[in-house]
Amino acid sequence: MKEELLEQGAMRDEEIRERSLQLRLRAGHQIESEEEMTPRYREVLVQTMLIAADLELMTLPSYFGALCNAPTLDDKISVASAIQDEMGHAQVMYRMLEDFGMDAQELIMGRPPEAFKSFELIEQDCGDYITCVVMMALGDRAGYTTTRDLEANCSFGPYTRSLRKVNYEERFHVTHGERWVRHFWNHSPRTRERVQAAVDLLFPMAASWFGTPDSMKKRTDQLTYRIRGLSNDELRQQWLNEVVPFCESVGIRIPAHFDTTEGRYVLSYEEPIAWDAEARQWNYENRITWPEKFAHWKKGGPIKRAGLERIQNERWGAALW
């Protein structure tokens, strides 16, 4: 009986602490140490930072083909610089996770590839410089949309401050990508075709970067704890507000448009759509179920396993140059 009363008292104390934290967060309180966190807040924050770190790490295998095949030394340096930036971002985040008792070496080198929390978009082999700059214009823009929100709204002060440099560099990647997408679109009929082909492949993946629609979200802890400020749909809308006008200004065809009735940019298709692996194209007419989409995401993109295994076996070396 005494043990039951002690357990009930501990549960009440934890509930009071949880409610107190949520009230302080709603009032704009910024957390600076682990001691201020409840177990659930800590779990949500750590998972958010781990996903961000894993996404940054996947840039190396994703951009490796573009680095090898870049047409000029300047282009090679540009890709290498972007990879170096992203590896620096990953290092910052893995290092912060060590403050929560995690081992960065084990996180990077010891986990099986399927345990990494990356997204379909960044699990693609860019392969060449044109695809790489399209990835920057669409994909880095998606990542930048997320990290801008985190910097502006995250209630954990150290993480917010760490994103200042990250966002400065991500903005550069987006600007670089848009500049060279516009250049290749206007360079020749052949490069225009390659830009359009890369956009056709990557656009739906970039739109999916922000996750499922808000109506499907079962847990909203990131918003409750003010880890993020915007929901999935709000982030996707912000991305569309920037990407659609850019693509339209260049002349690129995209499956999105401005809906005059709704007064906002919208996708021209309804998720989830099917991916034809053999033809390597999206089938907008063939909708699949969300469980099928989740299984597709869980399977991982074409370079996820091979890319992470190469990192873990340290087989990059001189091949980078």
C-alpha atoms as a PDB file:
ATOM      1  CA  MET A   1       0.000   0.000   0.000  1.00  0.00           C
ATOM      2  CA  LYS A   2       2.800   2.381   0.945  1.00  0.00           C
ATOM      3  CA  GLU A   3       4.606   1.666  -2.336  1.00  0.00           C
ATOM      4  CA  GLU A   4       1.413   2.340  -4.301  1.00  0.00           C
ATOM      5  CA  LEU A   5       0.938   5.683  -2.552  1.00  0.00           C
ATOM      6  CA  LEU A   6       4.554   6.657  -3.257  1.00  0.00           C
ATOM      7  CA  GLU A   7       4.126   5.695  -6.900  1.00  0.00           C
ATOM      8  CA  GLN A   8       0.907   7.702  -7.192  1.00  0.00           C
ATOM      9  CA  GLY A   9       2.608  10.676  -5.563  1.00  0.00           C
ATOM     10  CA  ALA A  10       5.503  10.473  -8.004  1.00  0.00           C
ATOM     11  CA  MET A  11       3.061  10.344 -10.908  1.00  0.00           C
ATOM     12  CA  ARG A  12       1.255  13.440  -9.613  1.00  0.00           C
ATOM     13  CA  ASP A  13       4.550  15.283  -9.185  1.00  0.00           C
ATOM     14  CA  GLU A  14       5.540  14.418 -12.772  1.00  0.00           C
ATOM     15  CA  GLU A  15       2.138  15.533 -14.060  1.00  0.00           C
ATOM     16  CA  ILE A  16       2.466  18.855 -12.220  1.00  0.00           C
ATOM     17  CA  ARG A  17       5.972  19.310 -13.620  1.00  0.00           C
ATOM     18  CA  GLU A  18       4.740  18.550 -17.128  1.00  0.00           C
ATOM     19  CA  ARG A  19       1.870  21.040 -16.895  1.00  0.00           C
ATOM     20  CA  SER A  20       4.166  23.668 -15.432  1.00  0.00           C
ATOM     21  CA  LEU A  21       6.631  23.246 -18.293  1.00  0.00           C
ATOM     22  CA  GLN A  22       3.925  23.545 -20.934  1.00  0.00           C
ATOM     23  CA  LEU A  23       2.587  26.733 -19.335  1.00  0.00           C
ATOM     24  CA  ARG A  24       6.050  28.272 -19.285  1.00  0.00           C
ATOM     25  CA  LEU A  25       6.651  27.303 -22.901  1.00  0.00           C
ATOM     26  CA  ARG A  26       3.360  28.905 -23.966  1.00  0.00           C
ATOM     27  CA  ALA A  27       4.506  32.072 -22.234  1.00  0.00           C
ATOM     28  CA  GLY A  28       7.683  32.054 -24.378  1.00  0.00           C
ATOM     29  CA  HIS A  29      10.136  30.544 -21.876  1.00  0.00           C
ATOM     30  CA  GLN A  30      13.434  29.424 -23.400  1.00  0.00           C
ATOM     31  CA  ILE A  31      15.005  26.248 -22.019  1.00  0.00           C
ATOM     32  CA  GLU A  32      18.765  26.285 -21.535  1.00  0.00           C
ATOM     33  CA  SER A  33      19.545  23.010 -19.726  1.00  0.00           C
ATOM     34  CA  GLU A  34      18.408  19.413 -19.482  1.00  0.00           C
ATOM     35  CA  GLU A  35      17.444  19.961 -15.846  1.00  0.00           C
ATOM     36  CA  GLU A  36      14.494  22.099 -16.971  1.00  0.00           C
ATOM     37  CA  MET A  37      13.097  19.369 -19.236  1.00  0.00           C
ATOM     38  CA  THR A  38      10.501  16.715 -18.565  1.00  0.00           C
ATOM     39  CA  PRO A  39      11.242  13.213 -19.935  1.00  0.00           C
ATOM     40  CA  ARG A  40       8.782  13.684 -22.806  1.00  0.00           C
ATOM     41  CA  TYR A  41      10.180  17.079 -23.800  1.00  0.00           C
ATOM     42  CA  ARG A  42      13.693  15.610 -23.803  1.00  0.00           C
ATOM     43  CA  GLU A  43      12.585  12.677 -25.968  1.00  0.00           C
ATOM     44  CA  VAL A  44      10.912  14.909 -28.573  1.00  0.00           C
ATOM     45  CA  LEU A  45      13.868  17.304 -28.713  1.00  0.00           C
ATOM     46  CA  VAL A  46      16.461  14.527 -29.033  1.00  0.00           C
ATOM     47  CA  GLN A  47      14.506  12.818 -31.818  1.00  0.00           C
ATOM     48  CA  THR A  48      14.174  16.125 -33.674  1.00  0.00           C
ATOM     49  CA  MET A  49      17.918  16.779 -33.495  1.00  0.00           C
ATOM     50  CA  LEU A  50      18.802  13.189 -34.438  1.00  0.00           C
ATOM     51  CA  ILE A  51      16.644  13.301 -37.564  1.00  0.00           C
ATOM     52  CA  ALA A  52      18.221  16.636 -38.514  1.00  0.00           C
ATOM     53  CA  ALA A  53      21.730  15.222 -38.011  1.00  0.00           C
ATOM     54  CA  ASP A  54      20.985  12.096 -40.072  1.00  0.00           C
ATOM     55  CA  LEU A  55      19.575  14.182 -42.920  1.00  0.00           C
ATOM     56  CA  GLU A  56      22.706  16.333 -43.033  1.00  0.00           C
ATOM     57  CA  LEU A  57      24.944  13.243 -43.092  1.00  0.00           C
ATOM     58  CA  MET A  58      23.072  11.741 -46.058  1.00  0.00           C
ATOM     59  CA  THR A  59      24.142  14.707 -48.195  1.00  0.00           C
ATOM     60  CA  LEU A  60      27.589  13.154 -48.726  1.00  0.00           C
ATOM     61  CA  PRO A  61      26.392  10.022 -50.564  1.00  0.00           C
ATOM     62  CA  SER A  62      23.625  11.999 -52.285  1.00  0.00           C
ATOM     63  CA  TYR A  63      26.004  14.606 -53.737  1.00  0.00           C
ATOM     64  CA  PHE A  64      28.983  12.295 -54.318  1.00  0.00           C
ATOM     65  CA  GLY A  65      28.083  11.514 -57.939  1.00  0.00           C
ATOM     66  CA  ALA A  66      27.690  15.205 -58.719  1.00  0.00           C
ATOM     67  CA  LEU A  67      31.083  15.888 -57.132  1.00  0.00           C
ATOM     68  CA  CYS A  68      32.753  13.247 -59.313  1.00  0.00           C
ATOM     69  CA  ASN A  69      30.958  14.309 -62.511  1.00  0.00           C
ATOM     70  CA  ALA A  70      31.038  18.108 -62.104  1.00  0.00           C
ATOM     71  CA  PRO A  71      32.089  19.539 -65.499  1.00  0.00           C
ATOM     72  CA  THR A  72      34.619  22.120 -64.250  1.00  0.00           C
ATOM     73  CA  LEU A  73      36.911  22.590 -61.289  1.00  0.00           C
ATOM     74  CA  ASP A  74      34.770  25.519 -60.102  1.00  0.00           C
ATOM     75  CA  ASP A  75      31.684  23.291 -60.191  1.00  0.00           C
ATOM     76  CA  LYS A  76      33.542  20.566 -58.293  1.00  0.00           C
ATOM     77  CA  ILE A  77      34.595  23.087 -55.651  1.00  0.00           C
ATOM     78  CA  SER A  78      31.002  24.324 -55.340  1.00  0.00           C
ATOM     79  CA  VAL A  79      29.682  20.810 -54.675  1.00  0.00           C
ATOM     80  CA  ALA A  80      32.555  20.028 -52.304  1.00  0.00           C
ATOM     81  CA  SER A  81      31.842  23.240 -50.412  1.00  0.00           C
ATOM     82  CA  ALA A  82      28.159  22.334 -50.053  1.00  0.00           C
ATOM     83  CA  ILE A  83      29.058  18.851 -48.796  1.00  0.00           C
ATOM     84  CA  GLN A  84      31.538  20.342 -46.331  1.00  0.00           C
ATOM     85  CA  ASP A  85      28.860  22.716 -45.031  1.00  0.00           C
ATOM     86  CA  GLU A  86      26.376  19.871 -44.561  1.00  0.00           C
ATOM     87  CA  MET A  87      28.937  17.670 -42.795  1.00  0.00           C
ATOM     88  CA  GLY A  88      29.634  20.610 -40.494  1.00  0.00           C
ATOM     89  CA  HIS A  89      25.920  20.901 -39.750  1.00  0.00           C
ATOM     90  CA  ALA A  90      25.770  17.165 -38.971  1.00  0.00           C
ATOM     91  CA  GLN A  91      28.800  17.456 -36.704  1.00  0.00           C
ATOM     92  CA  VAL A  92      27.181  20.271 -34.720  1.00  0.00           C
ATOM     93  CA  MET A  93      24.003  18.277 -34.181  1.00  0.00           C
ATOM     94  CA  TYR A  94      25.676  14.957 -33.336  1.00  0.00           C
ATOM     95  CA  ARG A  95      27.915  16.848 -30.924  1.00  0.00           C
ATOM     96  CA  MET A  96      24.876  18.395 -29.221  1.00  0.00           C
ATOM     97  CA  LEU A  97      23.374  14.925 -28.844  1.00  0.00           C
ATOM     98  CA  GLU A  98      26.426  13.946 -26.813  1.00  0.00           C
ATOM     99  CA  ASP A  99      25.244  16.442 -24.180  1.00  0.00           C
ATOM    100  CA  PHE A 100      22.223  14.142 -23.777  1.00  0.00           C
ATOM    101  CA  GLY A 101      24.376  11.079 -23.148  1.00  0.00           C
ATOM    102  CA  MET A 102      24.564   9.784 -26.720  1.00  0.00           C
ATOM    103  CA  ASP A 103      27.777   8.671 -28.437  1.00  0.00           C
ATOM    104  CA  ALA A 104      28.310  10.483 -31.745  1.00  0.00           C
ATOM    105  CA  GLN A 105      30.792   7.878 -32.959  1.00  0.00           C
ATOM    106  CA  GLU A 106      28.281   5.120 -32.306  1.00  0.00           C
ATOM    107  CA  LEU A 107      25.416   7.091 -33.875  1.00  0.00           C
ATOM    108  CA  ILE A 108      27.356   7.525 -37.120  1.00  0.00           C
ATOM    109  CA  MET A 109      29.471   4.385 -37.343  1.00  0.00           C
ATOM    110  CA  GLY A 110      27.561   1.819 -35.284  1.00  0.00           C
ATOM    111  CA  ARG A 111      23.908   2.014 -36.271  1.00  0.00           C
ATOM    112  CA  PRO A 112      22.577  -0.150 -39.114  1.00  0.00           C
ATOM    113  CA  PRO A 113      21.582   1.955 -42.179  1.00  0.00           C
ATOM    114  CA  GLU A 114      17.871   1.254 -41.672  1.00  0.00           C
ATOM    115  CA  ALA A 115      18.069   2.906 -38.237  1.00  0.00           C
ATOM    116  CA  PHE A 116      19.006   6.296 -39.723  1.00  0.00           C
ATOM    117  CA  LYS A 117      16.089   8.737 -39.907  1.00  0.00           C
ATOM    118  CA  SER A 118      16.533  10.242 -43.355  1.00  0.00           C
ATOM    119  CA  PHE A 119      13.962  11.132 -46.010  1.00  0.00           C
ATOM    120  CA  GLU A 120      13.360   9.799 -49.522  1.00  0.00           C
ATOM    121  CA  LEU A 121      14.517  13.029 -51.181  1.00  0.00           C
ATOM    122  CA  ILE A 122      18.031  12.949 -49.741  1.00  0.00           C
ATOM    123  CA  GLU A 123      18.353   9.197 -50.399  1.00  0.00           C
ATOM    124  CA  GLN A 124      18.687   9.867 -54.149  1.00  0.00           C
ATOM    125  CA  ASP A 125      21.914   9.928 -56.147  1.00  0.00           C
ATOM    126  CA  CYS A 126      22.153  13.387 -57.702  1.00  0.00           C
ATOM    127  CA  GLY A 127      24.663  11.902 -60.140  1.00  0.00           C
ATOM    128  CA  ASP A 128      25.487  15.061 -62.070  1.00  0.00           C
ATOM    129  CA  TYR A 129      25.839  18.776 -61.531  1.00  0.00           C
ATOM    130  CA  ILE A 130      22.508  19.762 -63.088  1.00  0.00           C
ATOM    131  CA  THR A 131      20.552  17.377 -60.857  1.00  0.00           C
ATOM    132  CA  CYS A 132      22.592  18.639 -57.898  1.00  0.00           C
ATOM    133  CA  VAL A 133      21.653  22.295 -58.417  1.00  0.00           C
ATOM    134  CA  VAL A 134      18.002  21.303 -58.882  1.00  0.00           C
ATOM    135  CA  MET A 135      18.287  19.459 -55.572  1.00  0.00           C
ATOM    136  CA  MET A 136      19.635  22.639 -53.985  1.00  0.00           C
ATOM    137  CA  ALA A 137      16.833  24.769 -55.426  1.00  0.00           C
ATOM    138  CA  LEU A 138      14.086  22.357 -54.316  1.00  0.00           C
ATOM    139  CA  GLY A 139      15.556  20.103 -51.629  1.00  0.00           C
ATOM    140  CA  ASP A 140      17.814  22.519 -49.789  1.00  0.00           C
ATOM    141  CA  ARG A 141      14.885  24.924 -49.886  1.00  0.00           C
ATOM    142  CA  ALA A 142      12.781  22.286 -48.100  1.00  0.00           C
ATOM    143  CA  GLY A 143      15.473  21.755 -45.466  1.00  0.00           C
ATOM    144  CA  TYR A 144      15.978  25.499 -45.113  1.00  0.00           C
ATOM    145  CA  THR A 145      12.234  25.971 -44.610  1.00  0.00           C
ATOM    146  CA  THR A 146      12.403  23.538 -41.685  1.00  0.00           C
ATOM    147  CA  THR A 147      15.568  24.897 -40.077  1.00  0.00           C
ATOM    148  CA  ARG A 148      14.366  28.505 -40.382  1.00  0.00           C
ATOM    149  CA  ASP A 149      11.278  27.513 -38.423  1.00  0.00           C
ATOM    150  CA  LEU A 150      13.413  25.765 -35.803  1.00  0.00           C
ATOM    151  CA  GLU A 151      15.716  28.758 -35.412  1.00  0.00           C
ATOM    152  CA  ALA A 152      12.793  31.146 -35.090  1.00  0.00           C
ATOM    153  CA  ASN A 153      10.656  29.055 -32.759  1.00  0.00           C
ATOM    154  CA  CYS A 154      12.534  26.262 -30.987  1.00  0.00           C
ATOM    155  CA  SER A 155      12.257  26.539 -27.211  1.00  0.00           C
ATOM    156  CA  PHE A 156      15.697  24.956 -26.610  1.00  0.00           C
ATOM    157  CA  GLY A 157      18.107  27.883 -26.703  1.00  0.00           C
ATOM    158  CA  PRO A 158      21.363  26.044 -27.565  1.00  0.00           C
ATOM    159  CA  TYR A 159      19.735  24.387 -30.591  1.00  0.00           C
ATOM    160  CA  THR A 160      18.236  27.662 -31.783  1.00  0.00           C
ATOM    161  CA  ARG A 161      21.608  29.416 -31.624  1.00  0.00           C
ATOM    162  CA  SER A 162      23.383  26.547 -33.405  1.00  0.00           C
ATOM    163  CA  LEU A 163      21.083  27.040 -36.406  1.00  0.00           C
ATOM    164  CA  ARG A 164      22.185  30.597 -37.165  1.00  0.00           C
ATOM    165  CA  LYS A 165      25.262  29.434 -39.069  1.00  0.00           C
ATOM    166  CA  VAL A 166      23.367  26.473 -40.515  1.00  0.00           C
ATOM    167  CA  ASN A 167      20.692  28.724 -42.006  1.00  0.00           C
ATOM    168  CA  TYR A 168      23.210  31.214 -43.361  1.00  0.00           C
ATOM    169  CA  GLU A 169      24.848  28.397 -45.315  1.00  0.00           C
ATOM    170  CA  GLU A 170      21.570  26.775 -46.357  1.00  0.00           C
ATOM    171  CA  ARG A 171      20.416  30.085 -47.808  1.00  0.00           C
ATOM    172  CA  PHE A 172      23.621  30.182 -49.859  1.00  0.00           C
ATOM    173  CA  HIS A 173      22.961  26.651 -51.169  1.00  0.00           C
ATOM    174  CA  VAL A 174      19.425  27.608 -52.225  1.00  0.00           C
ATOM    175  CA  THR A 175      20.633  30.781 -53.947  1.00  0.00           C
ATOM    176  CA  HIS A 176      23.421  28.876 -55.698  1.00  0.00           C
ATOM    177  CA  GLY A 177      20.962  26.227 -56.868  1.00  0.00           C
ATOM    178  CA  GLU A 178      18.444  28.726 -58.208  1.00  0.00           C
ATOM    179  CA  ARG A 179      21.131  30.684 -60.050  1.00  0.00           C
ATOM    180  CA  TRP A 180      22.466  27.626 -61.853  1.00  0.00           C
ATOM    181  CA  VAL A 181      19.026  26.136 -62.530  1.00  0.00           C
ATOM    182  CA  ARG A 182      18.167  29.358 -64.332  1.00  0.00           C
ATOM    183  CA  HIS A 183      21.516  29.247 -66.186  1.00  0.00           C
ATOM    184  CA  PHE A 184      21.094  25.664 -67.414  1.00  0.00           C
ATOM    185  CA  TRP A 185      17.453  26.279 -68.355  1.00  0.00           C
ATOM    186  CA  ASN A 186      18.571  29.035 -70.699  1.00  0.00           C
ATOM    187  CA  HIS A 187      21.855  27.449 -71.831  1.00  0.00           C
ATOM    188  CA  SER A 188      20.667  24.951 -74.446  1.00  0.00           C
ATOM    189  CA  PRO A 189      17.717  22.715 -75.335  1.00  0.00           C
ATOM    190  CA  ARG A 190      19.626  19.714 -73.951  1.00  0.00           C
ATOM    191  CA  THR A 191      20.376  21.262 -70.560  1.00  0.00           C
ATOM    192  CA  ARG A 192      16.784  22.529 -70.365  1.00  0.00           C
ATOM    193  CA  GLU A 193      15.548  18.960 -70.815  1.00  0.00           C
ATOM    194  CA  ARG A 194      17.867  17.775 -68.050  1.00  0.00           C
ATOM    195  CA  VAL A 195      16.651  20.470 -65.660  1.00  0.00           C
ATOM    196  CA  GLN A 196      13.025  19.529 -66.351  1.00  0.00           C
ATOM    197  CA  ALA A 197      13.776  15.824 -65.893  1.00  0.00           C
ATOM    198  CA  ALA A 198      15.422  16.488 -62.527  1.00  0.00           C
ATOM    199  CA  VAL A 199      12.479  18.621 -61.401  1.00  0.00           C
ATOM    200  CA  ASP A 200      10.021  15.924 -62.519  1.00  0.00           C
ATOM    201  CA  LEU A 201      11.869  13.418 -60.325  1.00  0.00           C
ATOM    202  CA  LEU A 202      12.544  15.532 -57.247  1.00  0.00           C
ATOM    203  CA  PHE A 203       9.551  17.866 -56.883  1.00  0.00           C
ATOM    204  CA  PRO A 204       7.108  15.345 -55.320  1.00  0.00           C
ATOM    205  CA  MET A 205       9.852  14.118 -52.977  1.00  0.00           C
ATOM    206  CA  ALA A 206      10.607  17.667 -51.875  1.00  0.00           C
ATOM    207  CA  ALA A 207       6.908  18.343 -51.300  1.00  0.00           C
ATOM    208  CA  SER A 208       6.801  15.196 -49.128  1.00  0.00           C
ATOM    209  CA  TRP A 209       9.756  16.417 -47.035  1.00  0.00           C
ATOM    210  CA  PHE A 210       7.353  17.931 -44.514  1.00  0.00           C
ATOM    211  CA  GLY A 211       5.530  14.674 -43.806  1.00  0.00           C
ATOM    212  CA  THR A 212       1.887  13.688 -43.772  1.00  0.00           C
ATOM    213  CA  PRO A 213      -1.002  16.193 -43.906  1.00  0.00           C
ATOM    214  CA  ASP A 214      -1.957  17.774 -40.588  1.00  0.00           C
ATOM    215  CA  SER A 215      -5.246  15.884 -40.638  1.00  0.00           C
ATOM    216  CA  MET A 216      -3.287  12.629 -40.256  1.00  0.00           C
ATOM    217  CA  LYS A 217      -0.965  13.750 -37.464  1.00  0.00           C
ATOM    218  CA  LYS A 218      -1.556  11.696 -34.340  1.00  0.00           C
ATOM    219  CA  ARG A 219       1.042  13.430 -32.177  1.00  0.00           C
ATOM    220  CA  THR A 220       1.699  17.144 -32.057  1.00  0.00           C
ATOM    221  CA  ASP A 221       4.381  17.167 -29.359  1.00  0.00           C
ATOM    222  CA  GLN A 222       6.788  19.254 -31.455  1.00  0.00           C
ATOM    223  CA  LEU A 223       4.206  22.038 -31.515  1.00  0.00           C
ATOM    224  CA  THR A 224       3.086  21.509 -27.909  1.00  0.00           C
ATOM    225  CA  TYR A 225       6.664  21.851 -26.659  1.00  0.00           C
ATOM    226  CA  ARG A 226       7.455  24.635 -29.126  1.00  0.00           C
ATOM    227  CA  ILE A 227      10.250  22.633 -30.722  1.00  0.00           C
ATOM    228  CA  ARG A 228       8.708  23.778 -33.984  1.00  0.00           C
ATOM    229  CA  GLY A 229       6.457  26.719 -34.631  1.00  0.00           C
ATOM    230  CA  LEU A 230       4.699  25.579 -37.807  1.00  0.00           C
ATOM    231  CA  SER A 231       2.779  22.410 -38.637  1.00  0.00           C
ATOM    232  CA  ASN A 232       3.558  20.073 -41.559  1.00  0.00           C
ATOM    233  CA  ASP A 233       1.034  21.755 -43.840  1.00  0.00           C
ATOM    234  CA  GLU A 234       2.159  25.245 -42.835  1.00  0.00           C
ATOM    235  CA  LEU A 235       5.790  24.390 -43.622  1.00  0.00           C
ATOM    236  CA  ARG A 236       4.794  22.836 -46.945  1.00  0.00           C
ATOM    237  CA  GLN A 237       2.786  25.966 -47.759  1.00  0.00           C
ATOM    238  CA  GLN A 238       5.768  28.174 -47.014  1.00  0.00           C
ATOM    239  CA  TRP A 239       7.895  26.025 -49.326  1.00  0.00           C
ATOM    240  CA  LEU A 240       5.289  26.224 -52.107  1.00  0.00           C
ATOM    241  CA  ASN A 241       5.060  30.005 -51.687  1.00  0.00           C
ATOM    242  CA  GLU A 242       8.749  30.257 -52.571  1.00  0.00           C
ATOM    243  CA  VAL A 243       9.320  27.362 -54.986  1.00  0.00           C
ATOM    244  CA  VAL A 244       6.313  27.782 -57.273  1.00  0.00           C
ATOM    245  CA  PRO A 245       6.963  31.453 -58.186  1.00  0.00           C
ATOM    246  CA  PHE A 246      10.637  30.651 -58.830  1.00  0.00           C
ATOM    247  CA  CYS A 247       9.841  27.739 -61.147  1.00  0.00           C
ATOM    248  CA  GLU A 248       7.171  29.727 -62.964  1.00  0.00           C
ATOM    249  CA  SER A 249       9.580  32.651 -63.441  1.00  0.00           C
ATOM    250  CA  VAL A 250      12.070  30.301 -65.113  1.00  0.00           C
ATOM    251  CA  GLY A 251       9.463  28.432 -67.164  1.00  0.00           C
ATOM    252  CA  ILE A 252       9.821  25.058 -65.452  1.00  0.00           C
ATOM    253  CA  ARG A 253       6.728  22.833 -65.454  1.00  0.00           C
ATOM    254  CA  ILE A 254       5.711  21.693 -61.989  1.00  0.00           C
ATOM    255  CA  PRO A 255       2.690  19.865 -60.515  1.00  0.00           C
ATOM    256  CA  ALA A 256       1.591  22.887 -58.474  1.00  0.00           C
ATOM    257  CA  HIS A 257      -0.266  26.123 -59.168  1.00  0.00           C
ATOM    258  CA  PHE A 258      -1.971  29.107 -57.590  1.00  0.00           C
ATOM    259  CA  ASP A 259      -5.562  28.315 -56.674  1.00  0.00           C
ATOM    260  CA  THR A 260      -7.614  31.497 -57.047  1.00  0.00           C
ATOM    261  CA  THR A 261     -10.487  30.035 -55.028  1.00  0.00           C
ATOM    262  CA  GLU A 262      -8.291  29.184 -52.041  1.00  0.00           C
ATOM    263  CA  GLY A 263      -6.000  32.161 -52.584  1.00  0.00           C
ATOM    264  CA  ARG A 264      -2.819  30.128 -52.189  1.00  0.00           C
ATOM    265  CA  TYR A 265      -0.405  27.828 -53.986  1.00  0.00           C
ATOM    266  CA  VAL A 266      -1.466  24.171 -54.005  1.00  0.00           C
ATOM    267  CA  LEU A 267      -0.218  20.860 -55.348  1.00  0.00           C
ATOM    268  CA  SER A 268      -1.913  19.769 -58.580  1.00  0.00           C
ATOM    269  CA  TYR A 269      -2.278  16.228 -57.265  1.00  0.00           C
ATOM    270  CA  GLU A 270      -3.520  14.545 -54.128  1.00  0.00           C
ATOM    271  CA  GLU A 271      -1.085  12.542 -52.032  1.00  0.00           C
ATOM    272  CA  PRO A 272      -0.139   9.769 -51.847  1.00  0.00           C
ATOM    273  CA  ILE A 273       0.835   9.042 -55.465  1.00  0.00           C
ATOM    274  CA  ALA A 274       2.563   5.990 -56.901  1.00  0.00           C
ATOM    275  CA  TRP A 275       6.213   5.799 -57.925  1.00  0.00           C
ATOM    276  CA  ASP A 276       6.978   3.669 -60.997  1.00  0.00           C
ATOM    277  CA  ALA A 277      10.446   2.324 -60.197  1.00  0.00           C
ATOM    278  CA  GLU A 278      11.004   0.829 -63.658  1.00  0.00           C
ATOM    279  CA  ALA A 279      10.090   3.967 -65.574  1.00  0.00           C
ATOM    280  CA  ARG A 280      11.545   6.167 -62.799  1.00  0.00           C
ATOM    281  CA  GLN A 281       8.567   8.503 -62.860  1.00  0.00           C
ATOM    282  CA  TRP A 282       5.587   9.501 -60.753  1.00  0.00           C
ATOM    283  CA  ASN A 283       2.134   8.265 -61.686  1.00  0.00           C
ATOM    284  CA  TYR A 284      -0.165  11.125 -60.746  1.00  0.00           C
ATOM    285  CA  GLU A 285      -3.236   9.218 -61.857  1.00  0.00           C
ATOM    286  CA  ASN A 286      -2.552   6.219 -59.643  1.00  0.00           C
ATOM    287  CA  ARG A 287      -3.095   7.020 -55.983  1.00  0.00           C
ATOM    288  CA  ILE A 288      -1.906   4.530 -53.407  1.00  0.00           C
ATOM    289  CA  THR A 289      -2.816   4.088 -49.747  1.00  0.00           C
ATOM    290  CA  TRP A 290      -0.901   5.774 -46.945  1.00  0.00           C
ATOM    291  CA  PRO A 291       0.279   2.407 -45.558  1.00  0.00           C
ATOM    292  CA  GLU A 292       1.754   1.706 -49.015  1.00  0.00           C
ATOM    293  CA  LYS A 293       3.421   5.119 -48.972  1.00  0.00           C
ATOM    294  CA  PHE A 294       4.843   4.524 -45.494  1.00  0.00           C
ATOM    295  CA  ALA A 295       6.254   1.182 -46.649  1.00  0.00           C
ATOM    296  CA  HIS A 296       7.832   2.925 -49.653  1.00  0.00           C
ATOM    297  CA  TRP A 297       9.476   5.494 -47.377  1.00  0.00           C
ATOM    298  CA  LYS A 298      10.635   2.854 -44.908  1.00  0.00           C
ATOM    299  CA  LYS A 299      12.315   0.872 -47.673  1.00  0.00           C
ATOM    300  CA  GLY A 300      14.650   3.806 -48.274  1.00  0.00           C
ATOM    301  CA  GLY A 301      15.928   5.405 -51.452  1.00  0.00           C
ATOM    302  CA  PRO A 302      18.420   3.813 -53.857  1.00  0.00           C
ATOM    303  CA  ILE A 303      21.582   5.087 -52.163  1.00  0.00           C
ATOM    304  CA  LYS A 304      20.640   4.991 -48.488  1.00  0.00           C
ATOM    305  CA  ARG A 305      22.171   1.649 -47.509  1.00  0.00           C
ATOM    306  CA  ALA A 306      25.144   1.763 -49.874  1.00  0.00           C
ATOM    307  CA  GLY A 307      25.929   5.383 -49.030  1.00  0.00           C
ATOM    308  CA  LEU A 308      25.814   4.908 -45.273  1.00  0.00           C
ATOM    309  CA  GLU A 309      27.826   1.689 -45.452  1.00  0.00           C
ATOM    310  CA  ARG A 310      30.470   3.528 -47.438  1.00  0.00           C
ATOM    311  CA  ILE A 311      30.636   6.217 -44.756  1.00  0.00           C
ATOM    312  CA  GLN A 312      30.844   3.622 -41.993  1.00  0.00           C
ATOM    313  CA  ASN A 313      33.594   1.687 -43.765  1.00  0.00           C
ATOM    314  CA  GLU A 314      35.490   4.943 -44.433  1.00  0.00           C
ATOM    315  CA  ARG A 315      35.898   4.168 -48.112  1.00  0.00           C
ATOM    316  CA  TRP A 316      35.620   7.723 -49.421  1.00  0.00           C
ATOM    317  CA  GLY A 317      39.235   8.831 -49.118  1.00  0.00           C
ATOM    318  CA  ALA A 318      40.923   9.976 -52.331  1.00  0.00           C
ATOM    319  CA  ALA A 319      37.785   9.147 -54.344  1.00  0.00           C
ATOM    320  CA  LEU A 320      36.323  12.482 -53.250  1.00  0.00           C
ATOM    321  CA  TRP A 321      38.802  14.152 -55.548  1.00  0.00           C
END
